[in-house]
Amino acid sequence: MNKFLTLVVAITLLTLVGCNTIKGVGQDIQKAGSVIEDAVKK
């Protein structure tokens, strides 16, 4: 459980560091949602 939580935090931090603005975070979340939606449709 501890390793999983560490992994989730690391991924979250890397994602946020990759975004320059709050707008960028929103766009990244929207893209992730689109990918998930496309995967569900297939």
PDB file of N, CA and C in Angstrom:
ATOM      1  N   MET A   1       0.835  -1.196   0.000  1.00  0.00           N
ATOM      2  CA  MET A   1       0.000   0.000   0.000  1.00  0.00           C
ATOM      3  C   MET A   1       0.876   1.254   0.000  1.00  0.00           C
ATOM      4  N   ASN A   2       1.944   1.231   0.788  1.00  0.00           N
ATOM      5  CA  ASN A   2       2.821   2.390   0.882  1.00  0.00           C
ATOM      6  C   ASN A   2       3.516   2.679  -0.453  1.00  0.00           C
ATOM      7  N   LYS A   3       3.942   1.615  -1.148  1.00  0.00           N
ATOM      8  CA  LYS A   3       4.589   1.786  -2.449  1.00  0.00           C
ATOM      9  C   LYS A   3       3.601   2.358  -3.465  1.00  0.00           C
ATOM     10  N   PHE A   4       2.357   1.887  -3.408  1.00  0.00           N
ATOM     11  CA  PHE A   4       1.325   2.373  -4.319  1.00  0.00           C
ATOM     12  C   PHE A   4       1.075   3.863  -4.104  1.00  0.00           C
ATOM     13  N   LEU A   5       0.961   4.267  -2.848  1.00  0.00           N
ATOM     14  CA  LEU A   5       0.723   5.672  -2.529  1.00  0.00           C
ATOM     15  C   LEU A   5       1.892   6.538  -2.994  1.00  0.00           C
ATOM     16  N   THR A   6       3.102   6.049  -2.805  1.00  0.00           N
ATOM     17  CA  THR A   6       4.290   6.777  -3.260  1.00  0.00           C
ATOM     18  C   THR A   6       4.274   6.933  -4.778  1.00  0.00           C
ATOM     19  N   LEU A   7       3.892   5.882  -5.468  1.00  0.00           N
ATOM     20  CA  LEU A   7       3.818   5.924  -6.925  1.00  0.00           C
ATOM     21  C   LEU A   7       2.779   6.936  -7.396  1.00  0.00           C
ATOM     22  N   VAL A   8       1.622   6.937  -6.768  1.00  0.00           N
ATOM     23  CA  VAL A   8       0.558   7.877  -7.144  1.00  0.00           C
ATOM     24  C   VAL A   8       1.005   9.309  -6.910  1.00  0.00           C
ATOM     25  N   VAL A   9       1.637   9.575  -5.783  1.00  0.00           N
ATOM     26  CA  VAL A   9       2.125  10.927  -5.483  1.00  0.00           C
ATOM     27  C   VAL A   9       3.182  11.344  -6.492  1.00  0.00           C
ATOM     28  N   ALA A  10       4.097  10.445  -6.830  1.00  0.00           N
ATOM     29  CA  ALA A  10       5.159  10.763  -7.794  1.00  0.00           C
ATOM     30  C   ALA A  10       4.571  11.088  -9.162  1.00  0.00           C
ATOM     31  N   ILE A  11       3.616  10.298  -9.613  1.00  0.00           N
ATOM     32  CA  ILE A  11       2.985  10.554 -10.912  1.00  0.00           C
ATOM     33  C   ILE A  11       2.247  11.886 -10.894  1.00  0.00           C
ATOM     34  N   THR A  12       1.548  12.159  -9.805  1.00  0.00           N
ATOM     35  CA  THR A  12       0.822  13.423  -9.687  1.00  0.00           C
ATOM     36  C   THR A  12       1.775  14.607  -9.733  1.00  0.00           C
ATOM     37  N   LEU A  13       2.868  14.517  -9.001  1.00  0.00           N
ATOM     38  CA  LEU A  13       3.843  15.619  -8.990  1.00  0.00           C
ATOM     39  C   LEU A  13       4.467  15.820 -10.364  1.00  0.00           C
ATOM     40  N   LEU A  14       4.819  14.740 -11.029  1.00  0.00           N
ATOM     41  CA  LEU A  14       5.410  14.864 -12.367  1.00  0.00           C
ATOM     42  C   LEU A  14       4.427  15.483 -13.347  1.00  0.00           C
ATOM     43  N   THR A  15       3.169  15.125 -13.214  1.00  0.00           N
ATOM     44  CA  THR A  15       2.142  15.693 -14.088  1.00  0.00           C
ATOM     45  C   THR A  15       2.006  17.185 -13.841  1.00  0.00           C
ATOM     46  N   LEU A  16       1.961  17.573 -12.574  1.00  0.00           N
ATOM     47  CA  LEU A  16       1.796  18.988 -12.247  1.00  0.00           C
ATOM     48  C   LEU A  16       3.030  19.808 -12.631  1.00  0.00           C
ATOM     49  N   VAL A  17       4.202  19.230 -12.487  1.00  0.00           N
ATOM     50  CA  VAL A  17       5.427  19.940 -12.856  1.00  0.00           C
ATOM     51  C   VAL A  17       5.473  20.156 -14.366  1.00  0.00           C
ATOM     52  N   GLY A  18       4.902  19.224 -15.117  1.00  0.00           N
ATOM     53  CA  GLY A  18       4.894  19.331 -16.571  1.00  0.00           C
ATOM     54  C   GLY A  18       3.968  20.420 -17.081  1.00  0.00           C
ATOM     55  N   CYS A  19       3.100  20.925 -16.247  1.00  0.00           N
ATOM     56  CA  CYS A  19       2.144  21.958 -16.649  1.00  0.00           C
ATOM     57  C   CYS A  19       2.636  23.319 -16.151  1.00  0.00           C
ATOM     58  N   ASN A  20       2.595  24.298 -17.017  1.00  0.00           N
ATOM     59  CA  ASN A  20       3.062  25.624 -16.632  1.00  0.00           C
ATOM     60  C   ASN A  20       1.994  26.453 -15.932  1.00  0.00           C
ATOM     61  N   THR A  21       0.756  26.170 -16.214  1.00  0.00           N
ATOM     62  CA  THR A  21      -0.324  26.981 -15.656  1.00  0.00           C
ATOM     63  C   THR A  21      -1.491  26.096 -15.242  1.00  0.00           C
ATOM     64  N   ILE A  22      -2.435  26.685 -14.546  1.00  0.00           N
ATOM     65  CA  ILE A  22      -3.664  25.976 -14.187  1.00  0.00           C
ATOM     66  C   ILE A  22      -4.417  25.584 -15.456  1.00  0.00           C
ATOM     67  N   LYS A  23      -4.358  26.439 -16.458  1.00  0.00           N
ATOM     68  CA  LYS A  23      -4.996  26.122 -17.732  1.00  0.00           C
ATOM     69  C   LYS A  23      -4.376  24.856 -18.326  1.00  0.00           C
ATOM     70  N   GLY A  24      -3.078  24.729 -18.197  1.00  0.00           N
ATOM     71  CA  GLY A  24      -2.379  23.542 -18.684  1.00  0.00           C
ATOM     72  C   GLY A  24      -2.836  22.290 -17.963  1.00  0.00           C
ATOM     73  N   VAL A  25      -3.059  22.399 -16.656  1.00  0.00           N
ATOM     74  CA  VAL A  25      -3.551  21.259 -15.880  1.00  0.00           C
ATOM     75  C   VAL A  25      -4.923  20.849 -16.397  1.00  0.00           C
ATOM     76  N   GLY A  26      -5.778  21.822 -16.635  1.00  0.00           N
ATOM     77  CA  GLY A  26      -7.109  21.531 -17.161  1.00  0.00           C
ATOM     78  C   GLY A  26      -7.047  20.837 -18.508  1.00  0.00           C
ATOM     79  N   GLN A  27      -6.158  21.285 -19.355  1.00  0.00           N
ATOM     80  CA  GLN A  27      -6.021  20.674 -20.671  1.00  0.00           C
ATOM     81  C   GLN A  27      -5.515  19.239 -20.545  1.00  0.00           C
ATOM     82  N   ASP A  28      -4.577  19.014 -19.631  1.00  0.00           N
ATOM     83  CA  ASP A  28      -4.055  17.663 -19.432  1.00  0.00           C
ATOM     84  C   ASP A  28      -5.146  16.729 -18.926  1.00  0.00           C
ATOM     85  N   ILE A  29      -5.959  17.209 -18.001  1.00  0.00           N
ATOM     86  CA  ILE A  29      -7.057  16.393 -17.470  1.00  0.00           C
ATOM     87  C   ILE A  29      -8.061  16.090 -18.577  1.00  0.00           C
ATOM     88  N   GLN A  30      -8.330  17.086 -19.412  1.00  0.00           N
ATOM     89  CA  GLN A  30      -9.272  16.887 -20.513  1.00  0.00           C
ATOM     90  C   GLN A  30      -8.731  15.849 -21.498  1.00  0.00           C
ATOM     91  N   LYS A  31      -7.440  15.906 -21.806  1.00  0.00           N
ATOM     92  CA  LYS A  31      -6.841  14.933 -22.718  1.00  0.00           C
ATOM     93  C   LYS A  31      -6.904  13.532 -22.125  1.00  0.00           C
ATOM     94  N   ALA A  32      -6.620  13.418 -20.826  1.00  0.00           N
ATOM     95  CA  ALA A  32      -6.679  12.111 -20.173  1.00  0.00           C
ATOM     96  C   ALA A  32      -8.104  11.566 -20.222  1.00  0.00           C
ATOM     97  N   GLY A  33      -9.079  12.417 -20.014  1.00  0.00           N
ATOM     98  CA  GLY A  33     -10.480  11.998 -20.095  1.00  0.00           C
ATOM     99  C   GLY A  33     -10.833  11.522 -21.485  1.00  0.00           C
ATOM    100  N   SER A  34     -10.328  12.196 -22.496  1.00  0.00           N
ATOM    101  CA  SER A  34     -10.601  11.793 -23.884  1.00  0.00           C
ATOM    102  C   SER A  34     -10.002  10.425 -24.186  1.00  0.00           C
ATOM    103  N   VAL A  35      -8.789  10.184 -23.683  1.00  0.00           N
ATOM    104  CA  VAL A  35      -8.138   8.895 -23.908  1.00  0.00           C
ATOM    105  C   VAL A  35      -8.942   7.781 -23.241  1.00  0.00           C
ATOM    106  N   ILE A  36      -9.379   8.022 -22.014  1.00  0.00           N
ATOM    107  CA  ILE A  36     -10.174   7.019 -21.303  1.00  0.00           C
ATOM    108  C   ILE A  36     -11.495   6.776 -22.024  1.00  0.00           C
ATOM    109  N   GLU A  37     -12.116   7.849 -22.484  1.00  0.00           N
ATOM    110  CA  GLU A  37     -13.399   7.715 -23.193  1.00  0.00           C
ATOM    111  C   GLU A  37     -13.226   6.910 -24.469  1.00  0.00           C
ATOM    112  N   ASP A  38     -12.147   7.182 -25.220  1.00  0.00           N
ATOM    113  CA  ASP A  38     -11.890   6.436 -26.448  1.00  0.00           C
ATOM    114  C   ASP A  38     -11.628   4.960 -26.157  1.00  0.00           C
ATOM    115  N   ALA A  39     -10.923   4.676 -25.069  1.00  0.00           N
ATOM    116  CA  ALA A  39     -10.639   3.288 -24.705  1.00  0.00           C
ATOM    117  C   ALA A  39     -11.914   2.547 -24.350  1.00  0.00           C
ATOM    118  N   VAL A  40     -12.841   3.225 -23.691  1.00  0.00           N
ATOM    119  CA  VAL A  40     -14.098   2.589 -23.306  1.00  0.00           C
ATOM    120  C   VAL A  40     -14.952   2.298 -24.527  1.00  0.00           C
ATOM    121  N   LYS A  41     -14.916   3.185 -25.519  1.00  0.00           N
ATOM    122  CA  LYS A  41     -15.714   3.001 -26.723  1.00  0.00           C
ATOM    123  C   LYS A  41     -15.237   1.805 -27.549  1.00  0.00           C
ATOM    124  N   LYS A  42     -13.951   1.460 -27.466  1.00  0.00           N
ATOM    125  CA  LYS A  42     -13.397   0.356 -28.243  1.00  0.00           C
ATOM    126  C   LYS A  42     -13.697  -0.918 -27.589  1.00  0.00           C
TER     127      LYS A  42
END
